[in-house]
């Protein structure tokens, strides 16, 4: 397996080329200097943290990952662009479909998105978006609510393929559709998604301001509405991980505590606005946050106590095991990290294969092993990491 091409090594190289010290780069990126040093020396970081560094260095995050996407990803690019094209140039001869049929199609797309079946999503998305845009003029708010979910699927695939510009366009389309759906909780969920997109681009301050605005807009509903409390909790969870990436432990843990308190109000694990909420979701965010805060022991303790409900979204399981692998690597437990990587691959194979973070964690594990094991080489080959 090739050495010297980890995210940390690439950051160090570009930093030095730009004449920046670790302290200067850390201040520009609004991250902790000690965490920067740790990553440059081989630790695996989250996508939000890497986004902040990329923005401070003035490069796209893909440069730091060293991504070389397979041809299939680039084949998807024109299809995604068509799905996200202008909202007012649809064929006037296109006949509207019954809203119930469109809802069934969106339910399938949402399931594929959560199960990381991205090729299936892309195959149907452009025509489905066109149909929903036509339906918007006929059925109004229900069609725009469905259209919001269609654009969310486009955002997910764009992000996984590494198309940052399309991911941002998709979240703008989501916001456009959600404002026409007449549902403030749906719009708040859009802000939850958009904050993630902004943070991956390094705009963490913008992301946190957006989340705070979203919370203020629905706060009046929380005490009387369990669904509102659930949406409020996901805003806190997102804010908790973004704050962790900036090294703000107090803010991160405060947001995650608020999410836990809210979970007692709306009950156990469930899906709200196509987003997992509840104790398990909070644990997943805690693992990610504690690793970024430099507390791998706390992250591992949470991970060991996490029990997934039946049929929990595969993509979320994949993320969880990648963050758990990061925690084990930070603790120097390479074998456990490799086991966690296998769990991530099993949970969501297509997500694992597409994930820049998976490639980064694999490279980090390889750097910690004197000789890459057969298990690690197998994972690397599956994820497309060059040998």
Protein backbone atom coordinates (compact mmCIF):
# COMPACT_ATOMS: atom_id res chain seq x y z
CA UNK A 1 0.00 0.00 0.00
CA UNK A 2 1.39 3.41 -0.94
CA UNK A 3 2.78 5.54 1.84
CA UNK A 4 2.98 9.30 2.18
CA UNK A 5 -0.45 9.93 0.66
CA UNK A 6 -2.54 10.09 3.85
CA UNK A 7 -4.67 13.17 4.51
CA UNK A 8 -2.32 14.24 7.29
CA UNK A 9 0.77 13.94 5.10
CA UNK A 10 -0.93 15.94 2.34
CA UNK A 11 -1.96 18.67 4.79
CA UNK A 12 1.60 18.93 6.11
CA UNK A 13 3.03 19.12 2.61
CA UNK A 14 0.66 21.86 1.42
CA UNK A 15 1.02 23.77 4.70
CA UNK A 16 4.79 23.84 4.33
CA UNK A 17 4.55 24.78 0.65
CA UNK A 18 2.47 27.80 1.71
CA UNK A 19 4.95 28.73 4.44
CA UNK A 20 2.47 28.19 7.27
CA UNK A 21 3.27 26.93 10.74
CA UNK A 22 0.88 24.54 12.44
CA UNK A 23 -0.20 27.32 14.77
CA UNK A 24 -1.03 29.71 11.93
CA UNK A 25 -2.96 27.09 9.97
CA UNK A 26 -4.87 26.00 13.08
CA UNK A 27 -5.94 29.59 13.75
CA UNK A 28 -6.99 30.13 10.13
CA UNK A 29 -9.02 26.91 10.17
CA UNK A 30 -10.46 27.51 13.66
CA UNK A 31 -9.23 24.11 14.88
CA UNK A 32 -6.96 23.08 17.73
CA UNK A 33 -3.23 23.06 17.05
CA UNK A 34 -2.76 19.81 18.95
CA UNK A 35 -5.40 18.10 16.79
CA UNK A 36 -3.68 19.40 13.65
CA UNK A 37 -0.39 17.98 14.85
CA UNK A 38 -2.07 14.66 15.65
CA UNK A 39 -3.63 14.40 12.19
CA UNK A 40 -0.40 15.35 10.42
CA UNK A 41 1.28 12.57 12.39
CA UNK A 42 -1.20 9.96 11.23
CA UNK A 43 -4.57 10.31 13.01
CA UNK A 44 -7.78 10.16 10.97
CA UNK A 45 -10.04 13.22 11.09
CA UNK A 46 -13.72 13.80 10.34
CA UNK A 47 -15.00 15.26 7.09
CA UNK A 48 -15.98 18.48 8.87
CA UNK A 49 -12.51 18.94 10.36
CA UNK A 50 -10.85 18.24 7.01
CA UNK A 51 -13.23 20.70 5.34
CA UNK A 52 -12.09 23.44 7.71
CA UNK A 53 -8.43 22.74 6.91
CA UNK A 54 -9.11 22.66 3.16
CA UNK A 55 -10.86 26.03 3.31
CA UNK A 56 -7.97 27.56 5.28
CA UNK A 57 -5.45 26.20 2.76
CA UNK A 58 -7.54 27.42 -0.16
CA UNK A 59 -7.92 23.99 -1.76
CA UNK A 60 -10.82 21.64 -2.39
CA UNK A 61 -11.12 18.89 0.21
CA UNK A 62 -10.72 16.29 -2.53
CA UNK A 63 -7.10 17.44 -2.91
CA UNK A 64 -6.42 16.51 0.72
CA UNK A 65 -8.08 13.13 0.35
CA UNK A 66 -6.21 12.44 -2.88
CA UNK A 67 -9.42 11.09 -4.36
CA UNK A 68 -9.34 9.29 -7.68
CA UNK A 69 -12.96 8.45 -8.31
CA UNK A 70 -13.78 5.54 -10.63
CA UNK A 71 -15.32 6.22 -14.02
CA UNK A 72 -18.76 5.26 -12.71
CA UNK A 73 -18.75 8.34 -10.46
CA UNK A 74 -18.02 10.62 -13.39
CA UNK A 75 -20.68 8.86 -15.45
CA UNK A 76 -23.17 9.93 -12.78
CA UNK A 77 -22.14 13.58 -12.98
CA UNK A 78 -24.22 14.66 -16.02
CA UNK A 79 -27.25 12.79 -14.67
CA UNK A 80 -27.01 14.61 -11.34
CA UNK A 81 -26.57 17.93 -13.11
CA UNK A 82 -29.73 17.30 -15.08
CA UNK A 83 -31.63 16.47 -11.89
CA UNK A 84 -30.52 19.79 -10.40
CA UNK A 85 -31.12 21.92 -13.51
CA UNK A 86 -33.38 24.97 -13.56
CA UNK A 87 -36.73 24.62 -11.82
CA UNK A 88 -38.74 26.55 -14.41
CA UNK A 89 -37.74 25.00 -17.75
CA UNK A 90 -39.72 21.76 -17.65
CA UNK A 91 -41.37 20.34 -20.77
CA UNK A 92 -44.86 21.90 -20.84
CA UNK A 93 -46.24 18.74 -22.45
CA UNK A 94 -45.24 16.57 -19.50
CA UNK A 95 -48.37 15.09 -17.92
CA UNK A 96 -48.66 15.27 -14.12
CA UNK A 97 -48.66 11.95 -12.25
CA UNK A 98 -50.96 11.20 -9.32
CA UNK A 99 -49.40 12.50 -6.12
CA UNK A 100 -49.83 9.09 -4.45
CA UNK A 101 -47.71 7.46 -7.16
CA UNK A 102 -45.01 10.09 -6.76
CA UNK A 103 -45.05 9.56 -2.99
CA UNK A 104 -44.45 5.84 -3.52
CA UNK A 105 -41.50 6.59 -5.81
CA UNK A 106 -40.00 9.02 -3.30
CA UNK A 107 -40.35 6.42 -0.53
CA UNK A 108 -38.23 4.04 -2.62
CA UNK A 109 -35.63 6.73 -3.32
CA UNK A 110 -35.46 7.61 0.38
CA UNK A 111 -34.92 3.96 1.27
CA UNK A 112 -32.18 3.61 -1.35
CA UNK A 113 -30.51 6.78 -0.05
CA UNK A 114 -30.46 5.54 3.53
CA UNK A 115 -29.20 2.12 2.38
CA UNK A 116 -26.44 3.70 0.25
CA UNK A 117 -27.79 2.34 -3.03
CA UNK A 118 -26.66 5.41 -4.95
CA UNK A 119 -26.75 3.97 -8.48
CA UNK A 120 -30.46 3.20 -8.06
CA UNK A 121 -31.11 6.74 -6.85
CA UNK A 122 -29.34 8.35 -9.79
CA UNK A 123 -31.12 6.16 -12.33
CA UNK A 124 -34.57 7.54 -11.47
CA UNK A 125 -33.84 10.99 -10.08
CA UNK A 126 -33.96 13.32 -13.14
CA UNK A 127 -37.36 12.12 -14.41
CA UNK A 128 -38.76 12.01 -10.89
CA UNK A 129 -37.67 15.60 -10.23
CA UNK A 130 -39.30 16.71 -13.50
CA UNK A 131 -42.54 14.97 -12.55
CA UNK A 132 -42.55 16.58 -9.11
CA UNK A 133 -41.92 20.04 -10.55
CA UNK A 134 -44.94 19.57 -12.83
CA UNK A 135 -46.96 18.26 -9.91
CA UNK A 136 -46.02 21.32 -7.87
CA UNK A 137 -48.23 23.50 -10.03
CA UNK A 138 -51.11 21.03 -9.67
CA UNK A 139 -50.85 19.68 -6.12
CA UNK A 140 -48.92 22.48 -4.40
CA UNK A 141 -47.42 21.88 -0.97
CA UNK A 142 -47.51 18.03 -0.89
CA UNK A 143 -45.56 17.89 -4.16
CA UNK A 144 -42.97 20.38 -2.93
CA UNK A 145 -42.49 18.33 0.25
CA UNK A 146 -41.75 15.27 -1.90
CA UNK A 147 -39.48 17.35 -4.13
CA UNK A 148 -37.47 18.34 -1.06
CA UNK A 149 -36.73 14.66 -0.42
CA UNK A 150 -35.75 14.14 -4.06
CA UNK A 151 -33.24 16.97 -3.84
CA UNK A 152 -31.97 15.55 -0.55
CA UNK A 153 -31.19 12.31 -2.35
CA UNK A 154 -29.32 14.31 -4.99
CA UNK A 155 -27.33 16.00 -2.25
CA UNK A 156 -26.38 12.69 -0.66
CA UNK A 157 -25.16 11.17 -3.91
CA UNK A 158 -23.31 14.37 -4.89
CA UNK A 159 -21.52 14.38 -1.55
CA UNK A 160 -20.60 10.70 -1.76
CA UNK A 161 -19.26 11.15 -5.30
CA UNK A 162 -17.15 14.10 -4.14
CA UNK A 163 -19.06 16.69 -6.21
CA UNK A 164 -19.01 19.53 -3.69
CA UNK A 165 -20.51 22.13 -6.01
CA UNK A 166 -23.48 19.92 -6.84
CA UNK A 167 -23.98 19.09 -3.17
CA UNK A 168 -24.31 22.81 -2.42
CA UNK A 169 -26.68 23.28 -5.36
CA UNK A 170 -28.81 20.39 -4.11
CA UNK A 171 -29.17 21.93 -0.65
CA UNK A 172 -30.20 25.24 -2.25
CA UNK A 173 -32.82 23.35 -4.24
CA UNK A 174 -33.97 21.64 -1.06
CA UNK A 175 -34.45 25.01 0.61
CA UNK A 176 -36.32 26.34 -2.44
CA UNK A 177 -38.72 23.39 -2.39
CA UNK A 178 -39.17 23.30 1.39
CA UNK A 179 -40.15 26.97 1.56
CA UNK A 180 -43.00 26.11 -0.84
CA UNK A 181 -44.08 23.07 1.18
CA UNK A 182 -45.47 25.19 4.01
CA UNK A 183 -43.87 23.11 6.77
CA UNK A 184 -41.44 24.85 9.16
CA UNK A 185 -40.17 21.53 10.52
CA UNK A 186 -39.31 20.30 7.03
CA UNK A 187 -37.42 23.54 6.42
CA UNK A 188 -35.54 23.11 9.70
CA UNK A 189 -34.54 19.62 8.55
CA UNK A 190 -33.23 21.15 5.34
CA UNK A 191 -31.06 23.47 7.42
CA UNK A 192 -29.72 20.42 9.25
CA UNK A 193 -28.62 18.97 5.89
CA UNK A 194 -27.33 22.30 4.58
CA UNK A 195 -25.23 22.85 7.72
CA UNK A 196 -23.43 19.58 7.01
CA UNK A 197 -22.71 20.66 3.45
CA UNK A 198 -21.39 24.04 4.62
CA UNK A 199 -19.21 22.47 7.30
CA UNK A 200 -17.64 20.01 4.86
CA UNK A 201 -16.65 23.06 2.80
CA UNK A 202 -14.99 24.63 5.84
CA UNK A 203 -17.77 27.16 6.51
CA UNK A 204 -18.28 25.99 10.09
CA UNK A 205 -19.22 29.43 11.44
CA UNK A 206 -21.88 29.79 8.75
CA UNK A 207 -23.15 26.29 9.53
CA UNK A 208 -23.49 27.01 13.24
CA UNK A 209 -25.27 30.31 12.57
CA UNK A 210 -27.70 28.49 10.27
CA UNK A 211 -28.40 25.85 12.92
CA UNK A 212 -28.97 28.49 15.59
CA UNK A 213 -31.40 30.28 13.28
CA UNK A 214 -33.23 27.04 12.58
CA UNK A 215 -33.54 26.34 16.31
CA UNK A 216 -34.92 29.81 17.02
CA UNK A 217 -37.53 29.42 14.27
CA UNK A 218 -39.07 26.23 15.70
CA UNK A 219 -38.34 26.63 19.43
CA UNK A 220 -41.91 27.78 20.15
CA UNK A 221 -43.22 24.39 18.96
CA UNK A 222 -40.93 22.10 20.96
CA UNK A 223 -42.80 21.82 24.27
CA UNK A 224 -46.12 20.92 22.67
CA UNK A 225 -45.03 18.85 19.68
CA UNK A 226 -42.95 15.67 19.90
CA UNK A 227 -42.05 15.85 16.22
CA UNK A 228 -40.77 19.39 16.69
CA UNK A 229 -38.71 18.19 19.66
CA UNK A 230 -37.22 15.46 17.47
CA UNK A 231 -36.26 17.95 14.74
CA UNK A 232 -34.85 20.28 17.39
CA UNK A 233 -32.71 17.41 18.65
CA UNK A 234 -31.13 16.71 15.25
CA UNK A 235 -30.18 20.38 14.99
CA UNK A 236 -28.41 20.05 18.35
CA UNK A 237 -26.70 16.84 17.23
CA UNK A 238 -25.37 18.48 14.08
CA UNK A 239 -24.19 21.51 16.05
CA UNK A 240 -22.48 19.19 18.53
CA UNK A 241 -20.31 17.51 15.90
CA UNK A 242 -19.47 20.78 14.14
CA UNK A 243 -18.45 22.38 17.45
CA UNK A 244 -16.28 19.33 18.17
CA UNK A 245 -14.46 19.77 14.86
CA UNK A 246 -13.53 23.29 15.96
CA UNK A 247 -12.23 21.99 19.29
CA UNK A 248 -15.01 23.56 21.38
CA UNK A 249 -15.63 20.72 23.83
CA UNK A 250 -18.03 22.64 26.08
CA UNK A 251 -20.29 23.69 23.20
CA UNK A 252 -20.15 20.24 21.62
CA UNK A 253 -21.14 18.36 24.75
CA UNK A 254 -23.76 20.96 25.66
CA UNK A 255 -25.50 20.49 22.31
CA UNK A 256 -25.41 16.70 22.64
CA UNK A 257 -26.78 16.89 26.20
CA UNK A 258 -29.66 19.00 24.92
CA UNK A 259 -30.34 16.37 22.27
CA UNK A 260 -30.49 13.70 25.00
CA UNK A 261 -32.93 15.76 27.07
CA UNK A 262 -35.14 16.24 24.05
CA UNK A 263 -35.06 12.51 23.30
CA UNK A 264 -36.78 11.87 26.63
CA UNK A 265 -39.60 14.12 25.44
CA UNK A 266 -40.29 12.43 22.10
CA UNK A 267 -39.40 8.85 23.04
CA UNK A 268 -37.05 6.25 21.61
CA UNK A 269 -35.45 5.68 18.24
CA UNK A 270 -37.52 6.61 15.23
CA UNK A 271 -37.34 8.24 11.81
CA UNK A 272 -38.55 11.85 11.59
CA UNK A 273 -38.52 13.65 8.25
CA UNK A 274 -36.51 10.75 6.92
CA UNK A 275 -33.82 11.32 9.55
CA UNK A 276 -32.95 8.94 12.43
CA UNK A 277 -33.55 10.46 15.86
CA UNK A 278 -33.34 9.16 19.41
CA UNK A 279 -30.73 7.58 21.71
CA UNK A 280 -28.93 5.58 19.02
CA UNK A 281 -28.55 8.60 16.75
CA UNK A 282 -27.18 10.60 19.68
CA UNK A 283 -24.62 7.87 20.40
CA UNK A 284 -23.45 7.98 16.78
CA UNK A 285 -22.90 11.73 16.99
CA UNK A 286 -21.15 11.37 20.34
CA UNK A 287 -18.63 8.90 18.92
CA UNK A 288 -17.78 11.28 16.09
CA UNK A 289 -17.54 14.29 18.42
CA UNK A 290 -15.35 12.63 21.05
CA UNK A 291 -12.83 11.45 18.45
CA UNK A 292 -12.56 14.98 17.06
CA UNK A 293 -12.15 16.32 20.60
CA UNK A 294 -9.16 14.04 21.12
CA UNK A 295 -10.97 11.69 23.53
CA UNK A 296 -10.84 8.30 21.80
CA UNK A 297 -11.38 6.44 25.08
CA UNK A 298 -14.74 8.17 25.58
CA UNK A 299 -15.67 7.50 21.96
CA UNK A 300 -14.84 3.80 22.30
CA UNK A 301 -16.86 3.54 25.51
CA UNK A 302 -19.91 5.01 23.77
CA UNK A 303 -19.39 2.79 20.74
CA UNK A 304 -19.22 -0.36 22.85
CA UNK A 305 -22.53 0.53 24.49
CA UNK A 306 -24.36 1.28 21.23
CA UNK A 307 -27.07 -1.17 20.20
CA UNK A 308 -28.63 -0.75 16.78
CA UNK A 309 -32.39 -1.27 16.44
CA UNK A 310 -33.57 -3.62 13.72
CA UNK A 311 -33.60 -2.01 10.26
CA UNK A 312 -31.52 0.96 11.35
CA UNK A 313 -30.37 2.89 8.22
CA UNK A 314 -27.34 1.21 6.69
CA UNK A 315 -25.61 4.46 5.80
CA UNK A 316 -25.69 5.57 9.45
CA UNK A 317 -24.25 2.22 10.54
CA UNK A 318 -21.47 2.71 8.01
CA UNK A 319 -20.65 6.15 9.40
CA UNK A 320 -20.70 4.83 12.97
CA UNK A 321 -18.16 2.09 12.26
CA UNK A 322 -15.85 4.49 10.43
CA UNK A 323 -15.88 6.85 13.41
CA UNK A 324 -15.32 3.88 15.72
CA UNK A 325 -12.35 2.86 13.59
CA UNK A 326 -10.98 6.40 13.92
CA UNK A 327 -11.33 6.13 17.69
CA UNK A 328 -9.47 2.82 17.84
CA UNK A 329 -6.66 4.19 15.66
CA UNK A 330 -6.33 7.25 17.89
CA UNK A 331 -6.03 4.84 20.83
CA UNK A 332 -3.37 2.79 19.03
CA UNK A 333 -5.64 -0.27 18.66
CA UNK A 334 -5.07 -1.09 15.00
CA UNK A 335 -6.61 -4.57 15.00
CA UNK A 336 -9.83 -3.25 16.53
CA UNK A 337 -9.85 -0.45 13.96
CA UNK A 338 -9.59 -2.96 11.12
CA UNK A 339 -12.48 -4.95 12.60
CA UNK A 340 -14.53 -1.75 12.73
CA UNK A 341 -13.67 -1.05 9.10
CA UNK A 342 -14.98 -4.48 8.18
CA UNK A 343 -18.21 -3.73 10.03
CA UNK A 344 -18.55 -0.50 8.06
CA UNK A 345 -18.03 -2.34 4.79
CA UNK A 346 -20.60 -4.99 5.73
CA UNK A 347 -23.15 -2.40 6.87
CA UNK A 348 -23.04 -0.24 3.75
CA UNK A 349 -20.80 -1.57 0.98
CA UNK A 350 -21.49 1.14 -1.60
CA UNK A 351 -21.04 3.89 0.98
CA UNK A 352 -17.75 2.33 2.09
CA UNK A 353 -16.55 2.07 -1.49
CA UNK A 354 -17.39 5.73 -2.21
CA UNK A 355 -16.36 7.24 1.10
CA UNK A 356 -13.31 9.51 1.19
CA UNK A 357 -13.30 9.06 4.94
CA UNK A 358 -13.08 5.27 4.57
CA UNK A 359 -10.06 5.66 2.31
CA UNK A 360 -8.49 8.07 4.80
CA UNK A 361 -9.01 5.68 7.73
CA UNK A 362 -7.58 2.78 5.71
CA UNK A 363 -4.46 4.82 4.89
CA UNK A 364 -4.12 5.82 8.53
CA UNK A 365 -4.37 2.18 9.61
CA UNK A 366 -1.74 1.23 7.02
CA UNK A 367 0.61 3.88 8.41
CA UNK A 368 0.24 2.38 11.89
CA UNK A 369 0.92 -1.17 10.69
CA UNK A 370 4.56 -1.82 9.83
CA UNK A 371 3.39 -4.15 7.10
CA UNK A 372 -0.16 -3.92 5.83
CA UNK A 373 -2.02 -7.09 6.78
CA UNK A 374 -3.99 -9.19 4.33
CA UNK A 375 -7.20 -7.95 5.98
CA UNK A 376 -6.26 -4.33 5.51
CA UNK A 377 -5.17 -4.90 1.92
CA UNK A 378 -8.54 -6.50 1.21
CA UNK A 379 -10.35 -3.46 2.61
CA UNK A 380 -8.07 -1.14 0.65
CA UNK A 381 -8.72 -2.97 -2.60
CA UNK A 382 -12.47 -2.88 -2.03
CA UNK A 383 -12.37 0.88 -1.34
CA UNK A 384 -10.14 1.58 -4.33
CA UNK A 385 -7.07 2.61 -2.35
CA UNK A 386 -4.03 2.11 -4.56
CA UNK A 387 -1.68 -0.67 -3.55
